[in-house]
Amino acid sequence: MLGDLDLDDGRMFIADNSIALECLSLSGKRSVVRYGDINGPTSRIHQFQLNDVRELATIVETFNETGKTASFRAA
C-alpha cells in the first residue's frame, strides 16, 4: 500500500526524466502517480510489473542481510 493505492496490481514506467506508477486505488479506480518532467518522457520508457519489483527488492534485501551476517562472523 502507498497511501490509498494498492501496489499488488500495477506497473511502473521509468524514463530518463520521469517515473510513473499505475495501479488501483482502494476505491477500485485506476490511478496514475507521476514524478519528474510534467511534459512527459523524452526518452524510451521501460515498463515493470510492481510485483516483479517487489520480488527483486526482497531478493536483494535477503542477500544483503545474509552478507552482513557473514561479514560479522568473519570479523
Protein backbone atom coordinates (compact mmCIF):
# COMPACT_ATOMS: atom_id res chain seq x y z
CA MET A 1 0.00 0.00 0.00
CA LEU A 2 1.12 3.51 -0.81
CA GLY A 3 -1.43 5.94 0.58
CA ASP A 4 -4.70 4.64 -0.85
CA LEU A 5 -3.02 2.84 -3.78
CA ASP A 6 -2.89 -0.96 -3.96
CA LEU A 7 0.57 -1.82 -5.28
CA ASP A 8 -0.22 -5.53 -5.74
CA ASP A 9 -1.72 -4.85 -9.15
CA GLY A 10 0.19 -2.22 -11.03
CA ARG A 11 3.02 -1.15 -13.26
CA MET A 12 5.98 1.20 -13.03
CA PHE A 13 7.11 3.22 -16.04
CA ILE A 14 10.66 4.61 -15.94
CA ALA A 15 12.21 7.06 -18.40
CA ASP A 16 15.28 9.30 -18.17
CA ASN A 17 13.31 12.23 -16.80
CA SER A 18 10.20 10.71 -15.20
CA ILE A 19 8.69 7.82 -13.28
CA ALA A 20 5.01 6.85 -13.24
CA LEU A 21 3.12 4.33 -11.12
CA GLU A 22 -0.15 2.98 -12.50
CA CYS A 23 -2.23 0.95 -10.05
CA LEU A 24 -5.65 0.56 -8.46
CA SER A 25 -6.88 2.82 -5.69
CA LEU A 26 -8.76 1.40 -2.72
CA SER A 27 -11.99 2.51 -4.40
CA GLY A 28 -11.14 0.27 -7.38
CA LYS A 29 -10.28 3.05 -9.83
CA ARG A 30 -7.13 3.04 -11.95
CA SER A 31 -4.74 5.74 -10.69
CA VAL A 32 -1.52 7.15 -12.08
CA VAL A 33 1.13 8.91 -9.98
CA ARG A 34 3.82 10.74 -11.95
CA TYR A 35 7.16 12.14 -10.81
CA GLY A 36 9.51 14.19 -12.93
CA ASP A 37 9.02 16.24 -16.08
CA ILE A 38 5.38 17.34 -16.44
CA ASN A 39 5.74 17.39 -20.24
CA GLY A 40 6.21 13.64 -20.30
CA PRO A 41 9.15 11.38 -21.01
CA THR A 42 11.74 12.44 -23.57
CA SER A 43 13.35 9.01 -23.83
CA ARG A 44 12.39 5.37 -24.15
CA ILE A 45 10.02 4.15 -21.42
CA HIS A 46 10.82 0.94 -19.53
CA GLN A 47 7.83 -0.85 -18.00
CA PHE A 48 7.92 -3.18 -14.96
CA GLN A 49 5.21 -5.05 -13.07
CA LEU A 50 5.18 -3.84 -9.44
CA ASN A 51 5.09 -7.43 -8.14
CA ASP A 52 8.32 -8.13 -10.06
CA VAL A 53 9.93 -5.07 -8.46
CA ARG A 54 8.79 -6.30 -5.03
CA GLU A 55 10.27 -9.76 -5.62
CA LEU A 56 13.58 -8.26 -6.73
CA ALA A 57 13.68 -5.97 -3.67
CA THR A 58 13.05 -8.98 -1.39
CA ILE A 59 15.87 -10.94 -3.03
CA VAL A 60 18.31 -8.02 -2.69
CA GLU A 61 17.27 -7.40 0.92
CA THR A 62 17.72 -11.08 1.81
CA PHE A 63 21.12 -11.16 0.11
CA ASN A 64 22.25 -8.03 1.95
CA GLU A 65 21.15 -9.38 5.31
CA THR A 66 22.91 -12.70 4.65
CA GLY A 67 26.05 -10.88 3.50
CA LYS A 68 26.09 -8.68 6.58
CA THR A 69 25.76 -11.70 8.86
CA ALA A 70 28.61 -13.50 7.07
CA SER A 71 30.83 -10.39 7.32
CA PHE A 72 30.23 -10.03 11.05
CA ARG A 73 31.03 -13.70 11.62
CA ALA A 74 34.30 -13.38 9.73
CA ALA A 75 35.33 -10.36 11.79
